[in-house]
Amino acid sequence: MLMLAIAMLGIATVIPDRPFLVLGLSLVVGASFSILVREAIAPSPQTRITQITALLLLIISIYGFADIIKTL
């Protein structure tokens, strides 16, 4: 899911169209929540790094959604 989000955000940088950006950001939100739930259920050896990365992605995507809403 994260690779699909990266692809959608890559397309959104080449083709400045709002649906690609919204879809990419929503996929990032879903992937971040999925990573956080997976780490809560079955922790990996690098749990802290994974959680920080997922939270960082979540914060950036929420900021992106706020920016999109502001430009409407």
PDB file of N, CA and C in Angstrom:
ATOM      1  N   MET A   1       0.822  -1.177   0.000  1.00  0.00           N
ATOM      2  CA  MET A   1       0.000   0.000   0.000  1.00  0.00           C
ATOM      3  C   MET A   1       0.875   1.254   0.000  1.00  0.00           C
ATOM      4  N   LEU A   2       1.987   1.181   0.711  1.00  0.00           N
ATOM      5  CA  LEU A   2       2.885   2.326   0.756  1.00  0.00           C
ATOM      6  C   LEU A   2       3.541   2.580  -0.596  1.00  0.00           C
ATOM      7  N   MET A   3       3.857   1.521  -1.336  1.00  0.00           N
ATOM      8  CA  MET A   3       4.443   1.685  -2.667  1.00  0.00           C
ATOM      9  C   MET A   3       3.422   2.313  -3.628  1.00  0.00           C
ATOM     10  N   LEU A   4       2.167   1.934  -3.504  1.00  0.00           N
ATOM     11  CA  LEU A   4       1.122   2.536  -4.326  1.00  0.00           C
ATOM     12  C   LEU A   4       0.948   4.011  -3.978  1.00  0.00           C
ATOM     13  N   ALA A   5       1.053   4.346  -2.704  1.00  0.00           N
ATOM     14  CA  ALA A   5       0.962   5.745  -2.284  1.00  0.00           C
ATOM     15  C   ALA A   5       2.120   6.558  -2.857  1.00  0.00           C
ATOM     16  N   ILE A   6       3.313   5.992  -2.839  1.00  0.00           N
ATOM     17  CA  ILE A   6       4.476   6.674  -3.407  1.00  0.00           C
ATOM     18  C   ILE A   6       4.285   6.889  -4.900  1.00  0.00           C
ATOM     19  N   ALA A   7       3.743   5.883  -5.584  1.00  0.00           N
ATOM     20  CA  ALA A   7       3.494   6.017  -7.019  1.00  0.00           C
ATOM     21  C   ALA A   7       2.463   7.109  -7.296  1.00  0.00           C
ATOM     22  N   MET A   8       1.384   7.144  -6.516  1.00  0.00           N
ATOM     23  CA  MET A   8       0.353   8.167  -6.714  1.00  0.00           C
ATOM     24  C   MET A   8       0.898   9.567  -6.441  1.00  0.00           C
ATOM     25  N   LEU A   9       1.713   9.699  -5.406  1.00  0.00           N
ATOM     26  CA  LEU A   9       2.284  11.012  -5.116  1.00  0.00           C
ATOM     27  C   LEU A   9       3.309  11.404  -6.178  1.00  0.00           C
ATOM     28  N   GLY A  10       3.991  10.429  -6.745  1.00  0.00           N
ATOM     29  CA  GLY A  10       4.905  10.706  -7.856  1.00  0.00           C
ATOM     30  C   GLY A  10       4.150  11.191  -9.080  1.00  0.00           C
ATOM     31  N   ILE A  11       3.027  10.561  -9.371  1.00  0.00           N
ATOM     32  CA  ILE A  11       2.194  10.996 -10.490  1.00  0.00           C
ATOM     33  C   ILE A  11       1.644  12.391 -10.214  1.00  0.00           C
ATOM     34  N   ALA A  12       1.301  12.661  -8.957  1.00  0.00           N
ATOM     35  CA  ALA A  12       0.755  13.978  -8.604  1.00  0.00           C
ATOM     36  C   ALA A  12       1.788  15.082  -8.780  1.00  0.00           C
ATOM     37  N   THR A  13       3.074  14.764  -8.670  1.00  0.00           N
ATOM     38  CA  THR A  13       4.089  15.794  -8.896  1.00  0.00           C
ATOM     39  C   THR A  13       4.276  16.062 -10.379  1.00  0.00           C
ATOM     40  N   VAL A  14       4.100  15.037 -11.220  1.00  0.00           N
ATOM     41  CA  VAL A  14       4.247  15.215 -12.664  1.00  0.00           C
ATOM     42  C   VAL A  14       2.989  15.840 -13.261  1.00  0.00           C
ATOM     43  N   ILE A  15       1.838  15.313 -12.876  1.00  0.00           N
ATOM     44  CA  ILE A  15       0.552  15.821 -13.357  1.00  0.00           C
ATOM     45  C   ILE A  15      -0.119  16.519 -12.169  1.00  0.00           C
ATOM     46  N   PRO A  16      -0.071  17.840 -12.127  1.00  0.00           N
ATOM     47  CA  PRO A  16      -0.629  18.535 -10.955  1.00  0.00           C
ATOM     48  C   PRO A  16      -2.157  18.494 -10.943  1.00  0.00           C
ATOM     49  N   ASP A  17      -2.677  17.322 -10.670  1.00  0.00           N
ATOM     50  CA  ASP A  17      -4.120  17.122 -10.630  1.00  0.00           C
ATOM     51  C   ASP A  17      -4.499  16.715  -9.214  1.00  0.00           C
ATOM     52  N   ARG A  18      -5.526  17.320  -8.666  1.00  0.00           N
ATOM     53  CA  ARG A  18      -5.897  17.115  -7.271  1.00  0.00           C
ATOM     54  C   ARG A  18      -6.304  15.677  -6.923  1.00  0.00           C
ATOM     55  N   PRO A  19      -7.008  14.933  -7.780  1.00  0.00           N
ATOM     56  CA  PRO A  19      -7.402  13.565  -7.387  1.00  0.00           C
ATOM     57  C   PRO A  19      -6.214  12.645  -7.111  1.00  0.00           C
ATOM     58  N   PHE A  20      -5.128  12.771  -7.870  1.00  0.00           N
ATOM     59  CA  PHE A  20      -3.961  11.934  -7.610  1.00  0.00           C
ATOM     60  C   PHE A  20      -3.344  12.259  -6.256  1.00  0.00           C
ATOM     61  N   LEU A  21      -3.305  13.538  -5.910  1.00  0.00           N
ATOM     62  CA  LEU A  21      -2.746  13.951  -4.629  1.00  0.00           C
ATOM     63  C   LEU A  21      -3.602  13.464  -3.468  1.00  0.00           C
ATOM     64  N   VAL A  22      -4.909  13.602  -3.592  1.00  0.00           N
ATOM     65  CA  VAL A  22      -5.811  13.161  -2.527  1.00  0.00           C
ATOM     66  C   VAL A  22      -5.737  11.640  -2.360  1.00  0.00           C
ATOM     67  N   LEU A  23      -5.715  10.916  -3.464  1.00  0.00           N
ATOM     68  CA  LEU A  23      -5.621   9.459  -3.385  1.00  0.00           C
ATOM     69  C   LEU A  23      -4.293   9.037  -2.767  1.00  0.00           C
ATOM     70  N   GLY A  24      -3.204   9.676  -3.166  1.00  0.00           N
ATOM     71  CA  GLY A  24      -1.897   9.346  -2.598  1.00  0.00           C
ATOM     72  C   GLY A  24      -1.835   9.622  -1.111  1.00  0.00           C
ATOM     73  N   LEU A  25      -2.359  10.769  -0.686  1.00  0.00           N
ATOM     74  CA  LEU A  25      -2.339  11.096   0.742  1.00  0.00           C
ATOM     75  C   LEU A  25      -3.232  10.159   1.548  1.00  0.00           C
ATOM     76  N   SER A  26      -4.374   9.786   0.999  1.00  0.00           N
ATOM     77  CA  SER A  26      -5.249   8.859   1.733  1.00  0.00           C
ATOM     78  C   SER A  26      -4.613   7.477   1.839  1.00  0.00           C
ATOM     79  N   LEU A  27      -3.876   7.068   0.818  1.00  0.00           N
ATOM     80  CA  LEU A  27      -3.156   5.793   0.911  1.00  0.00           C
ATOM     81  C   LEU A  27      -2.043   5.856   1.949  1.00  0.00           C
ATOM     82  N   VAL A  28      -1.395   7.005   2.081  1.00  0.00           N
ATOM     83  CA  VAL A  28      -0.364   7.169   3.111  1.00  0.00           C
ATOM     84  C   VAL A  28      -0.982   7.079   4.503  1.00  0.00           C
ATOM     85  N   VAL A  29      -2.143   7.682   4.683  1.00  0.00           N
ATOM     86  CA  VAL A  29      -2.830   7.598   5.979  1.00  0.00           C
ATOM     87  C   VAL A  29      -3.184   6.149   6.302  1.00  0.00           C
ATOM     88  N   GLY A  30      -3.729   5.437   5.330  1.00  0.00           N
ATOM     89  CA  GLY A  30      -4.078   4.032   5.550  1.00  0.00           C
ATOM     90  C   GLY A  30      -2.865   3.170   5.835  1.00  0.00           C
ATOM     91  N   ALA A  31      -1.786   3.396   5.102  1.00  0.00           N
ATOM     92  CA  ALA A  31      -0.568   2.612   5.332  1.00  0.00           C
ATOM     93  C   ALA A  31       0.031   2.921   6.694  1.00  0.00           C
ATOM     94  N   SER A  32      -0.010   4.188   7.106  1.00  0.00           N
ATOM     95  CA  SER A  32       0.537   4.560   8.416  1.00  0.00           C
ATOM     96  C   SER A  32      -0.240   3.901   9.549  1.00  0.00           C
ATOM     97  N   PHE A  33      -1.561   3.950   9.463  1.00  0.00           N
ATOM     98  CA  PHE A  33      -2.369   3.286  10.491  1.00  0.00           C
ATOM     99  C   PHE A  33      -2.135   1.776  10.485  1.00  0.00           C
ATOM    100  N   SER A  34      -1.993   1.208   9.306  1.00  0.00           N
ATOM    101  CA  SER A  34      -1.734  -0.221   9.210  1.00  0.00           C
ATOM    102  C   SER A  34      -0.392  -0.589   9.857  1.00  0.00           C
ATOM    103  N   ILE A  35       0.613   0.218   9.633  1.00  0.00           N
ATOM    104  CA  ILE A  35       1.928  -0.025  10.231  1.00  0.00           C
ATOM    105  C   ILE A  35       1.850   0.093  11.749  1.00  0.00           C
ATOM    106  N   LEU A  36       1.152   1.120  12.233  1.00  0.00           N
ATOM    107  CA  LEU A  36       1.047   1.302  13.685  1.00  0.00           C
ATOM    108  C   LEU A  36       0.279   0.161  14.348  1.00  0.00           C
ATOM    109  N   VAL A  37      -0.776  -0.326  13.712  1.00  0.00           N
ATOM    110  CA  VAL A  37      -1.534  -1.451  14.272  1.00  0.00           C
ATOM    111  C   VAL A  37      -0.686  -2.718  14.248  1.00  0.00           C
ATOM    112  N   ARG A  38       0.027  -2.947  13.144  1.00  0.00           N
ATOM    113  CA  ARG A  38       0.880  -4.137  13.061  1.00  0.00           C
ATOM    114  C   ARG A  38       1.955  -4.118  14.141  1.00  0.00           C
ATOM    115  N   GLU A  39       2.552  -2.952  14.393  1.00  0.00           N
ATOM    116  CA  GLU A  39       3.579  -2.860  15.428  1.00  0.00           C
ATOM    117  C   GLU A  39       2.999  -3.020  16.823  1.00  0.00           C
ATOM    118  N   ALA A  40       1.745  -2.635  17.015  1.00  0.00           N
ATOM    119  CA  ALA A  40       1.108  -2.812  18.318  1.00  0.00           C
ATOM    120  C   ALA A  40       0.786  -4.285  18.583  1.00  0.00           C
ATOM    121  N   ILE A  41       0.428  -5.006  17.529  1.00  0.00           N
ATOM    122  CA  ILE A  41       0.065  -6.417  17.692  1.00  0.00           C
ATOM    123  C   ILE A  41       1.295  -7.304  17.781  1.00  0.00           C
ATOM    124  N   ALA A  42       2.234  -7.108  16.853  1.00  0.00           N
ATOM    125  CA  ALA A  42       3.433  -7.950  16.808  1.00  0.00           C
ATOM    126  C   ALA A  42       4.662  -7.058  16.640  1.00  0.00           C
ATOM    127  N   PRO A  43       5.244  -6.618  17.752  1.00  0.00           N
ATOM    128  CA  PRO A  43       6.388  -5.707  17.670  1.00  0.00           C
ATOM    129  C   PRO A  43       7.588  -6.347  16.964  1.00  0.00           C
ATOM    130  N   SER A  44       8.272  -5.528  16.180  1.00  0.00           N
ATOM    131  CA  SER A  44       9.492  -5.973  15.505  1.00  0.00           C
ATOM    132  C   SER A  44      10.700  -5.498  16.315  1.00  0.00           C
ATOM    133  N   PRO A  45      11.900  -5.947  15.967  1.00  0.00           N
ATOM    134  CA  PRO A  45      13.084  -5.506  16.721  1.00  0.00           C
ATOM    135  C   PRO A  45      13.307  -3.989  16.692  1.00  0.00           C
ATOM    136  N   GLN A  46      12.922  -3.329  15.615  1.00  0.00           N
ATOM    137  CA  GLN A  46      13.105  -1.879  15.515  1.00  0.00           C
ATOM    138  C   GLN A  46      11.757  -1.170  15.634  1.00  0.00           C
ATOM    139  N   THR A  47      11.011  -1.486  16.670  1.00  0.00           N
ATOM    140  CA  THR A  47       9.662  -0.972  16.855  1.00  0.00           C
ATOM    141  C   THR A  47       9.636   0.549  16.932  1.00  0.00           C
ATOM    142  N   ARG A  48      10.530   1.134  17.702  1.00  0.00           N
ATOM    143  CA  ARG A  48      10.521   2.584  17.909  1.00  0.00           C
ATOM    144  C   ARG A  48      10.748   3.341  16.601  1.00  0.00           C
ATOM    145  N   ILE A  49      11.698   2.899  15.795  1.00  0.00           N
ATOM    146  CA  ILE A  49      11.988   3.562  14.518  1.00  0.00           C
ATOM    147  C   ILE A  49      10.786   3.446  13.576  1.00  0.00           C
ATOM    148  N   THR A  50      10.185   2.277  13.535  1.00  0.00           N
ATOM    149  CA  THR A  50       9.020   2.065  12.672  1.00  0.00           C
ATOM    150  C   THR A  50       7.847   2.937  13.105  1.00  0.00           C
ATOM    151  N   GLN A  51       7.605   3.032  14.398  1.00  0.00           N
ATOM    152  CA  GLN A  51       6.507   3.855  14.894  1.00  0.00           C
ATOM    153  C   GLN A  51       6.750   5.332  14.620  1.00  0.00           C
ATOM    154  N   ILE A  52       7.981   5.790  14.807  1.00  0.00           N
ATOM    155  CA  ILE A  52       8.294   7.196  14.545  1.00  0.00           C
ATOM    156  C   ILE A  52       8.123   7.508  13.064  1.00  0.00           C
ATOM    157  N   THR A  53       8.565   6.605  12.201  1.00  0.00           N
ATOM    158  CA  THR A  53       8.408   6.816  10.762  1.00  0.00           C
ATOM    159  C   THR A  53       6.937   6.852  10.362  1.00  0.00           C
ATOM    160  N   ALA A  54       6.141   5.934  10.907  1.00  0.00           N
ATOM    161  CA  ALA A  54       4.711   5.909  10.589  1.00  0.00           C
ATOM    162  C   ALA A  54       4.019   7.170  11.094  1.00  0.00           C
ATOM    163  N   LEU A  55       4.370   7.638  12.280  1.00  0.00           N
ATOM    164  CA  LEU A  55       3.774   8.868  12.807  1.00  0.00           C
ATOM    165  C   LEU A  55       4.196  10.080  11.982  1.00  0.00           C
ATOM    166  N   LEU A  56       5.440  10.098  11.532  1.00  0.00           N
ATOM    167  CA  LEU A  56       5.912  11.196  10.686  1.00  0.00           C
ATOM    168  C   LEU A  56       5.149  11.226   9.365  1.00  0.00           C
ATOM    169  N   LEU A  57       4.962  10.070   8.755  1.00  0.00           N
ATOM    170  CA  LEU A  57       4.175   9.997   7.527  1.00  0.00           C
ATOM    171  C   LEU A  57       2.733  10.444   7.754  1.00  0.00           C
ATOM    172  N   LEU A  58       2.167  10.057   8.877  1.00  0.00           N
ATOM    173  CA  LEU A  58       0.795  10.435   9.207  1.00  0.00           C
ATOM    174  C   LEU A  58       0.672  11.948   9.383  1.00  0.00           C
ATOM    175  N   ILE A  59       1.619  12.552  10.086  1.00  0.00           N
ATOM    176  CA  ILE A  59       1.593  14.000  10.301  1.00  0.00           C
ATOM    177  C   ILE A  59       1.741  14.745   8.983  1.00  0.00           C
ATOM    178  N   ILE A  60       2.656  14.292   8.128  1.00  0.00           N
ATOM    179  CA  ILE A  60       2.866  14.951   6.845  1.00  0.00           C
ATOM    180  C   ILE A  60       1.627  14.836   5.963  1.00  0.00           C
ATOM    181  N   SER A  61       0.985  13.678   5.959  1.00  0.00           N
ATOM    182  CA  SER A  61      -0.201  13.518   5.124  1.00  0.00           C
ATOM    183  C   SER A  61      -1.377  14.340   5.646  1.00  0.00           C
ATOM    184  N   ILE A  62      -1.521  14.443   6.959  1.00  0.00           N
ATOM    185  CA  ILE A  62      -2.582  15.287   7.514  1.00  0.00           C
ATOM    186  C   ILE A  62      -2.312  16.747   7.184  1.00  0.00           C
ATOM    187  N   TYR A  63      -1.052  17.170   7.238  1.00  0.00           N
ATOM    188  CA  TYR A  63      -0.694  18.523   6.830  1.00  0.00           C
ATOM    189  C   TYR A  63      -1.021  18.736   5.348  1.00  0.00           C
ATOM    190  N   GLY A  64      -0.787  17.730   4.525  1.00  0.00           N
ATOM    191  CA  GLY A  64      -1.120  17.825   3.106  1.00  0.00           C
ATOM    192  C   GLY A  64      -2.612  17.980   2.886  1.00  0.00           C
ATOM    193  N   PHE A  65      -3.418  17.216   3.636  1.00  0.00           N
ATOM    194  CA  PHE A  65      -4.871  17.357   3.531  1.00  0.00           C
ATOM    195  C   PHE A  65      -5.318  18.749   3.981  1.00  0.00           C
ATOM    196  N   ALA A  66      -4.702  19.265   5.052  1.00  0.00           N
ATOM    197  CA  ALA A  66      -5.054  20.612   5.520  1.00  0.00           C
ATOM    198  C   ALA A  66      -4.712  21.655   4.457  1.00  0.00           C
ATOM    199  N   ASP A  67      -3.608  21.467   3.772  1.00  0.00           N
ATOM    200  CA  ASP A  67      -3.217  22.395   2.708  1.00  0.00           C
ATOM    201  C   ASP A  67      -4.191  22.335   1.535  1.00  0.00           C
ATOM    202  N   ILE A  68      -4.635  21.128   1.202  1.00  0.00           N
ATOM    203  CA  ILE A  68      -5.617  20.992   0.120  1.00  0.00           C
ATOM    204  C   ILE A  68      -6.934  21.663   0.499  1.00  0.00           C
ATOM    205  N   ILE A  69      -7.385  21.467   1.722  1.00  0.00           N
ATOM    206  CA  ILE A  69      -8.629  22.073   2.175  1.00  0.00           C
ATOM    207  C   ILE A  69      -8.500  23.592   2.193  1.00  0.00           C
ATOM    208  N   LYS A  70      -7.333  24.101   2.578  1.00  0.00           N
ATOM    209  CA  LYS A  70      -7.121  25.546   2.639  1.00  0.00           C
ATOM    210  C   LYS A  70      -7.196  26.177   1.246  1.00  0.00           C
ATOM    211  N   THR A  71      -6.733  25.445   0.217  1.00  0.00           N
ATOM    212  CA  THR A  71      -6.722  26.001  -1.129  1.00  0.00           C
ATOM    213  C   THR A  71      -8.084  25.933  -1.815  1.00  0.00           C
ATOM    214  N   LEU A  72      -9.024  25.216  -1.220  1.00  0.00           N
ATOM    215  CA  LEU A  72     -10.370  25.149  -1.811  1.00  0.00           C
ATOM    216  C   LEU A  72     -11.049  26.432  -1.593  1.00  0.00           C
TER     217      LEU A  72
END
